[in-house]
C-alpha atoms as a PDB file:
ATOM      1  CA  UNK A   1      23.023 -55.341 -21.131  1.00  0.00           C
ATOM      2  CA  UNK A   2      21.802 -58.971 -20.683  1.00  0.00           C
ATOM      3  CA  UNK A   3      18.879 -57.809 -18.762  1.00  0.00           C
ATOM      4  CA  UNK A   4      17.941 -55.556 -21.801  1.00  0.00           C
ATOM      5  CA  UNK A   5      18.577 -58.335 -24.344  1.00  0.00           C
ATOM      6  CA  UNK A   6      16.475 -60.687 -22.321  1.00  0.00           C
ATOM      7  CA  UNK A   7      13.654 -58.074 -22.159  1.00  0.00           C
ATOM      8  CA  UNK A   8      13.634 -57.440 -25.869  1.00  0.00           C
ATOM      9  CA  UNK A   9      13.731 -61.110 -26.724  1.00  0.00           C
ATOM     10  CA  UNK A  10      10.717 -61.635 -24.516  1.00  0.00           C
ATOM     11  CA  UNK A  11       8.835 -59.072 -26.480  1.00  0.00           C
ATOM     12  CA  UNK A  12       9.765 -60.345 -29.862  1.00  0.00           C
ATOM     13  CA  UNK A  13       8.853 -63.894 -28.892  1.00  0.00           C
ATOM     14  CA  UNK A  14       5.404 -62.568 -27.547  1.00  0.00           C
ATOM     15  CA  UNK A  15       4.949 -60.717 -30.851  1.00  0.00           C
ATOM     16  CA  UNK A  16       5.747 -63.670 -33.009  1.00  0.00           C
ATOM     17  CA  UNK A  17       3.374 -65.843 -31.014  1.00  0.00           C
ATOM     18  CA  UNK A  18       0.542 -63.355 -31.312  1.00  0.00           C
ATOM     19  CA  UNK A  19       1.443 -62.735 -35.123  1.00  0.00           C
ATOM     20  CA  UNK A  20       1.421 -66.597 -35.709  1.00  0.00           C
ATOM     21  CA  UNK A  21      -1.889 -67.072 -34.148  1.00  0.00           C
ATOM     22  CA  UNK A  22      -3.481 -64.248 -35.832  1.00  0.00           C
ATOM     23  CA  UNK A  23      -2.103 -65.368 -39.071  1.00  0.00           C
ATOM     24  CA  UNK A  24      -3.693 -68.956 -38.611  1.00  0.00           C
ATOM     25  CA  UNK A  25      -6.953 -67.447 -37.757  1.00  0.00           C
ATOM     26  CA  UNK A  26      -7.154 -65.312 -40.958  1.00  0.00           C
ATOM     27  CA  UNK A  27      -6.233 -68.270 -42.901  1.00  0.00           C
ATOM     28  CA  UNK A  28      -8.942 -70.454 -41.445  1.00  0.00           C
ATOM     29  CA  UNK A  29     -11.600 -67.818 -41.956  1.00  0.00           C
ATOM     30  CA  UNK A  30     -10.390 -67.368 -45.718  1.00  0.00           C
ATOM     31  CA  UNK A  31     -10.052 -71.051 -46.381  1.00  0.00           C
ATOM     32  CA  UNK A  32     -13.579 -71.610 -44.860  1.00  0.00           C
ATOM     33  CA  UNK A  33     -15.106 -68.721 -46.967  1.00  0.00           C
ATOM     34  CA  UNK A  34     -14.063 -70.571 -50.167  1.00  0.00           C
ATOM     35  CA  UNK A  35     -10.345 -69.258 -50.697  1.00  0.00           C
ATOM     36  CA  UNK A  36      -8.345 -72.332 -51.055  1.00  0.00           C
ATOM     37  CA  UNK A  37      -4.534 -72.866 -51.797  1.00  0.00           C
ATOM     38  CA  UNK A  38      -2.139 -69.934 -51.850  1.00  0.00           C
ATOM     39  CA  UNK A  39      -5.331 -67.460 -51.811  1.00  0.00           C
ATOM     40  CA  UNK A  40      -5.934 -68.422 -48.273  1.00  0.00           C
ATOM     41  CA  UNK A  41      -2.380 -67.753 -47.241  1.00  0.00           C
ATOM     42  CA  UNK A  42      -2.415 -64.397 -49.033  1.00  0.00           C
ATOM     43  CA  UNK A  43      -5.225 -62.998 -46.944  1.00  0.00           C
ATOM     44  CA  UNK A  44      -3.466 -62.686 -43.608  1.00  0.00           C
ATOM     45  CA  UNK A  45      -0.343 -61.300 -45.334  1.00  0.00           C
ATOM     46  CA  UNK A  46      -2.509 -58.500 -46.695  1.00  0.00           C
ATOM     47  CA  UNK A  47      -4.125 -57.783 -43.466  1.00  0.00           C
ATOM     48  CA  UNK A  48      -0.841 -57.603 -41.584  1.00  0.00           C
ATOM     49  CA  UNK A  49       0.765 -55.372 -44.403  1.00  0.00           C
ATOM     50  CA  UNK A  50      -2.061 -53.137 -44.259  1.00  0.00           C
ATOM     51  CA  UNK A  51      -1.596 -52.829 -40.609  1.00  0.00           C
ATOM     52  CA  UNK A  52       2.048 -52.033 -40.992  1.00  0.00           C
ATOM     53  CA  UNK A  53       1.354 -49.299 -43.481  1.00  0.00           C
ATOM     54  CA  UNK A  54      -1.211 -47.777 -41.420  1.00  0.00           C
ATOM     55  CA  UNK A  55       1.197 -47.852 -38.329  1.00  0.00           C
ATOM     56  CA  UNK A  56       3.947 -46.102 -40.325  1.00  0.00           C
ATOM     57  CA  UNK A  57       1.714 -43.523 -41.552  1.00  0.00           C
ATOM     58  CA  UNK A  58       1.005 -42.706 -37.845  1.00  0.00           C
ATOM     59  CA  UNK A  59       4.497 -42.703 -37.014  1.00  0.00           C
ATOM     60  CA  UNK A  60       5.352 -40.126 -39.629  1.00  0.00           C
ATOM     61  CA  UNK A  61       2.804 -37.620 -38.272  1.00  0.00           C
ATOM     62  CA  UNK A  62       1.297 -36.777 -41.661  1.00  0.00           C
ATOM     63  CA  UNK A  63      -2.306 -37.309 -42.437  1.00  0.00           C
ATOM     64  CA  UNK A  64      -3.170 -39.175 -39.259  1.00  0.00           C
ATOM     65  CA  UNK A  65      -6.717 -39.265 -40.082  1.00  0.00           C
ATOM     66  CA  UNK A  66      -6.017 -41.678 -42.906  1.00  0.00           C
ATOM     67  CA  UNK A  67      -3.811 -43.750 -41.038  1.00  0.00           C
ATOM     68  CA  UNK A  68      -6.254 -44.218 -38.146  1.00  0.00           C
ATOM     69  CA  UNK A  69      -8.988 -45.151 -40.620  1.00  0.00           C
ATOM     70  CA  UNK A  70      -7.038 -47.912 -42.351  1.00  0.00           C
ATOM     71  CA  UNK A  71      -5.543 -49.137 -39.031  1.00  0.00           C
ATOM     72  CA  UNK A  72      -8.929 -49.599 -37.542  1.00  0.00           C
ATOM     73  CA  UNK A  73     -10.049 -51.452 -40.776  1.00  0.00           C
ATOM     74  CA  UNK A  74      -7.140 -53.774 -40.731  1.00  0.00           C
ATOM     75  CA  UNK A  75      -7.520 -54.321 -37.050  1.00  0.00           C
ATOM     76  CA  UNK A  76     -11.071 -54.912 -37.343  1.00  0.00           C
ATOM     77  CA  UNK A  77     -10.261 -57.710 -39.837  1.00  0.00           C
ATOM     78  CA  UNK A  78      -7.703 -59.256 -37.775  1.00  0.00           C
ATOM     79  CA  UNK A  79      -9.928 -59.118 -34.336  1.00  0.00           C
ATOM     80  CA  UNK A  80     -12.922 -60.401 -36.535  1.00  0.00           C
ATOM     81  CA  UNK A  81     -11.062 -63.375 -37.626  1.00  0.00           C
ATOM     82  CA  UNK A  82      -9.801 -64.200 -34.125  1.00  0.00           C
ATOM     83  CA  UNK A  83     -13.080 -64.064 -32.733  1.00  0.00           C
ATOM     84  CA  UNK A  84     -14.741 -66.149 -35.639  1.00  0.00           C
ATOM     85  CA  UNK A  85     -12.399 -68.923 -34.986  1.00  0.00           C
ATOM     86  CA  UNK A  86     -13.009 -68.948 -31.106  1.00  0.00           C
ATOM     87  CA  UNK A  87     -16.116 -71.204 -31.556  1.00  0.00           C
ATOM     88  CA  UNK A  88     -18.604 -68.509 -32.198  1.00  0.00           C
ATOM     89  CA  UNK A  89     -18.745 -69.148 -36.084  1.00  0.00           C
ATOM     90  CA  UNK A  90     -19.282 -72.558 -37.643  1.00  0.00           C
ATOM     91  CA  UNK A  91     -16.533 -72.696 -40.134  1.00  0.00           C
ATOM     92  CA  UNK A  92     -18.450 -75.708 -41.937  1.00  0.00           C
ATOM     93  CA  UNK A  93     -21.319 -73.416 -42.689  1.00  0.00           C
ATOM     94  CA  UNK A  94     -20.027 -69.851 -43.397  1.00  0.00           C
ATOM     95  CA  UNK A  95     -22.824 -67.318 -43.813  1.00  0.00           C
ATOM     96  CA  UNK A  96     -23.036 -65.470 -47.180  1.00  0.00           C
ATOM     97  CA  UNK A  97     -22.329 -62.076 -45.689  1.00  0.00           C
ATOM     98  CA  UNK A  98     -18.853 -63.196 -44.568  1.00  0.00           C
ATOM     99  CA  UNK A  99     -18.077 -64.899 -47.885  1.00  0.00           C
ATOM    100  CA  UNK A 100     -18.936 -61.449 -49.383  1.00  0.00           C
ATOM    101  CA  UNK A 101     -16.537 -59.779 -46.979  1.00  0.00           C
ATOM    102  CA  UNK A 102     -13.779 -62.193 -47.668  1.00  0.00           C
ATOM    103  CA  UNK A 103     -14.119 -62.052 -51.373  1.00  0.00           C
ATOM    104  CA  UNK A 104     -14.041 -58.049 -51.238  1.00  0.00           C
ATOM    105  CA  UNK A 105     -11.054 -57.777 -48.862  1.00  0.00           C
ATOM    106  CA  UNK A 106      -8.506 -57.712 -51.544  1.00  0.00           C
ATOM    107  CA  UNK A 107      -9.882 -54.621 -53.316  1.00  0.00           C
ATOM    108  CA  UNK A 108     -10.121 -52.913 -49.931  1.00  0.00           C
ATOM    109  CA  UNK A 109      -6.616 -53.815 -48.919  1.00  0.00           C
ATOM    110  CA  UNK A 110      -5.282 -52.579 -52.473  1.00  0.00           C
ATOM    111  CA  UNK A 111      -7.121 -49.396 -52.024  1.00  0.00           C
ATOM    112  CA  UNK A 112      -5.838 -48.709 -48.544  1.00  0.00           C
ATOM    113  CA  UNK A 113      -2.130 -49.675 -49.205  1.00  0.00           C
ATOM    114  CA  UNK A 114      -2.162 -47.428 -52.396  1.00  0.00           C
ATOM    115  CA  UNK A 115      -3.571 -44.421 -50.528  1.00  0.00           C
ATOM    116  CA  UNK A 116      -1.144 -44.840 -47.661  1.00  0.00           C
ATOM    117  CA  UNK A 117       1.825 -45.351 -50.027  1.00  0.00           C
ATOM    118  CA  UNK A 118       1.366 -42.500 -52.294  1.00  0.00           C
ATOM    119  CA  UNK A 119      -0.538 -39.731 -50.442  1.00  0.00           C
ATOM    120  CA  UNK A 120       2.585 -38.635 -48.213  1.00  0.00           C
ATOM    121  CA  UNK A 121       4.649 -35.830 -49.692  1.00  0.00           C
ATOM    122  CA  UNK A 122       8.161 -36.835 -50.623  1.00  0.00           C
ATOM    123  CA  UNK A 123      10.959 -35.453 -48.479  1.00  0.00           C
ATOM    124  CA  UNK A 124      12.798 -33.796 -51.369  1.00  0.00           C
ATOM    125  CA  UNK A 125       9.681 -32.074 -52.486  1.00  0.00           C
ATOM    126  CA  UNK A 126       9.428 -30.486 -48.881  1.00  0.00           C
ATOM    127  CA  UNK A 127      12.935 -29.441 -49.044  1.00  0.00           C
ATOM    128  CA  UNK A 128      12.407 -27.683 -52.461  1.00  0.00           C
ATOM    129  CA  UNK A 129       9.290 -26.027 -51.045  1.00  0.00           C
ATOM    130  CA  UNK A 130      11.489 -24.690 -48.096  1.00  0.00           C
ATOM    131  CA  UNK A 131      14.269 -23.291 -50.199  1.00  0.00           C
ATOM    132  CA  UNK A 132      11.625 -21.661 -52.536  1.00  0.00           C
ATOM    133  CA  UNK A 133      10.100 -19.695 -49.384  1.00  0.00           C
ATOM    134  CA  UNK A 134      13.501 -18.866 -48.345  1.00  0.00           C
ATOM    135  CA  UNK A 135      14.644 -17.281 -51.585  1.00  0.00           C
ATOM    136  CA  UNK A 136      11.182 -15.481 -52.275  1.00  0.00           C
ATOM    137  CA  UNK A 137      11.424 -11.895 -51.612  1.00  0.00           C
ATOM    138  CA  UNK A 138       9.354 -10.350 -48.882  1.00  0.00           C
ATOM    139  CA  UNK A 139       6.033  -9.044 -50.285  1.00  0.00           C
ATOM    140  CA  UNK A 140       5.408  -6.716 -47.485  1.00  0.00           C
ATOM    141  CA  UNK A 141       6.093  -3.033 -48.325  1.00  0.00           C
ATOM    142  CA  UNK A 142       8.489  -1.045 -46.283  1.00  0.00           C
ATOM    143  CA  UNK A 143       6.628   1.471 -44.188  1.00  0.00           C
ATOM    144  CA  UNK A 144       8.363   5.056 -44.190  1.00  0.00           C
ATOM    145  CA  UNK A 145      10.248   5.837 -41.127  1.00  0.00           C
ATOM    146  CA  UNK A 146       8.834   8.633 -38.881  1.00  0.00           C
ATOM    147  CA  UNK A 147      11.121  11.429 -38.303  1.00  0.00           C
ATOM    148  CA  UNK A 148      12.503  11.597 -34.819  1.00  0.00           C
ATOM    149  CA  UNK A 149      10.833  14.146 -32.652  1.00  0.00           C
ATOM    150  CA  UNK A 150      12.694  17.576 -31.997  1.00  0.00           C
ATOM    151  CA  UNK A 151      14.015  17.908 -28.471  1.00  0.00           C
ATOM    152  CA  UNK A 152      12.124  19.938 -26.302  1.00  0.00           C
ATOM    153  CA  UNK A 153      13.709  23.369 -25.531  1.00  0.00           C
ATOM    154  CA  UNK A 154      14.736  23.926 -21.875  1.00  0.00           C
ATOM    155  CA  UNK A 155      12.585  26.378 -20.010  1.00  0.00           C
ATOM    156  CA  UNK A 156      14.113  29.902 -19.747  1.00  0.00           C
ATOM    157  CA  UNK A 157      16.105  30.546 -16.839  1.00  0.00           C
ATOM    158  CA  UNK A 158      14.327  32.252 -13.725  1.00  0.00           C
ATOM    159  CA  UNK A 159      16.120  35.667 -12.678  1.00  0.00           C
ATOM    160  CA  UNK A 160      16.799  35.465  -8.961  1.00  0.00           C
ATOM    161  CA  UNK A 161      17.626  38.511  -6.921  1.00  0.00           C
ATOM    162  CA  UNK A 162      20.843  38.637  -5.111  1.00  0.00           C
ATOM    163  CA  UNK A 163      19.249  39.645  -1.789  1.00  0.00           C
ATOM    164  CA  UNK A 164      16.879  36.567  -2.007  1.00  0.00           C
ATOM    165  CA  UNK A 165      19.769  34.351  -2.659  1.00  0.00           C
ATOM    166  CA  UNK A 166      21.760  35.745   0.277  1.00  0.00           C
ATOM    167  CA  UNK A 167      18.511  35.098   2.544  1.00  0.00           C
ATOM    168  CA  UNK A 168      18.188  31.525   1.127  1.00  0.00           C
ATOM    169  CA  UNK A 169      21.880  30.903   2.086  1.00  0.00           C
ATOM    170  CA  UNK A 170      20.941  31.922   5.719  1.00  0.00           C
ATOM    171  CA  UNK A 171      18.033  29.841   5.744  1.00  0.00           C
ATOM    172  CA  UNK A 172      19.947  26.710   4.314  1.00  0.00           C
ATOM    173  CA  UNK A 173      22.774  27.476   6.873  1.00  0.00           C
ATOM    174  CA  UNK A 174      20.208  27.668   9.781  1.00  0.00           C
ATOM    175  CA  UNK A 175      18.586  24.198   8.521  1.00  0.00           C
ATOM    176  CA  UNK A 176      21.938  22.569   8.246  1.00  0.00           C
ATOM    177  CA  UNK A 177      22.661  23.754  11.898  1.00  0.00           C
ATOM    178  CA  UNK A 178      19.613  22.485  13.299  1.00  0.00           C
ATOM    179  CA  UNK A 179      19.393  19.010  11.321  1.00  0.00           C
ATOM    180  CA  UNK A 180      22.687  18.243  10.449  1.00  0.00           C
ATOM    181  CA  UNK A 181      21.696  17.797   6.828  1.00  0.00           C
ATOM    182  CA  UNK A 182      21.577  20.121   3.595  1.00  0.00           C
ATOM    183  CA  UNK A 183      18.064  21.681   2.885  1.00  0.00           C
ATOM    184  CA  UNK A 184      16.208  20.279  -0.068  1.00  0.00           C
ATOM    185  CA  UNK A 185      14.349  22.018  -2.755  1.00  0.00           C
ATOM    186  CA  UNK A 186      10.766  21.379  -1.328  1.00  0.00           C
ATOM    187  CA  UNK A 187      11.760  22.533   2.170  1.00  0.00           C
ATOM    188  CA  UNK A 188      13.543  25.604   0.816  1.00  0.00           C
ATOM    189  CA  UNK A 189      10.378  26.443  -1.243  1.00  0.00           C
ATOM    190  CA  UNK A 190       8.091  26.085   1.754  1.00  0.00           C
ATOM    191  CA  UNK A 191      10.500  28.512   3.980  1.00  0.00           C
ATOM    192  CA  UNK A 192      10.708  31.053   1.264  1.00  0.00           C
ATOM    193  CA  UNK A 193       7.362  30.951  -0.061  1.00  0.00           C
ATOM    194  CA  UNK A 194       8.392  31.199  -3.614  1.00  0.00           C
ATOM    195  CA  UNK A 195       7.160  29.389  -6.792  1.00  0.00           C
ATOM    196  CA  UNK A 196       8.782  25.916  -7.618  1.00  0.00           C
ATOM    197  CA  UNK A 197      10.994  27.070 -10.552  1.00  0.00           C
ATOM    198  CA  UNK A 198      12.272  29.960  -8.638  1.00  0.00           C
ATOM    199  CA  UNK A 199      12.997  27.460  -5.752  1.00  0.00           C
ATOM    200  CA  UNK A 200      15.036  25.375  -8.052  1.00  0.00           C
ATOM    201  CA  UNK A 201      16.704  28.244  -9.455  1.00  0.00           C
ATOM    202  CA  UNK A 202      17.666  29.596  -5.858  1.00  0.00           C
ATOM    203  CA  UNK A 203      18.822  25.889  -4.872  1.00  0.00           C
ATOM    204  CA  UNK A 204      21.255  25.884  -8.027  1.00  0.00           C
ATOM    205  CA  UNK A 205      22.822  29.033  -6.499  1.00  0.00           C
ATOM    206  CA  UNK A 206      23.533  27.464  -3.074  1.00  0.00           C
END
């Protein structure tokens, strides 16, 4: 339990440090671009909130394309501020294009936050749709049932002469004496030289 708490605390501390550094970099870029006072502090808050909103959209599994789009935009803004304050940009002489990006960011963040917050379907609406689908009658028409096939009549019985039956019994007895097993229908048919239906009829009399 203590090991798990220590691991969680370490992750939280690391996240807090990274968030504080990113927050400070965004504030410095906004301040250098002419946004002073509370406005410079509002910029990193808007970037972080847009990141959180996009991440929540990705976790819900709905409209992931929009979630990824705004997540990349917010992440680019955060990474751009971190790289800009690493010595690659002179904060005393900020270029005009960066001032334009910083000035236009509030509108972009507002649009992204609004779309992420209001484009997902509400849970109760999904539940109502499911109930409507369950209560709706099945539009598929019932197909007429096919009548059951009539049973095939049994073939007529084959008349077997009594003399042939007596001869078959002698053949069967001889086969049993020689092999120790009862004679089967194919063997009886071969020994008597009769058609298969007659051989089966003779075998029924044995």
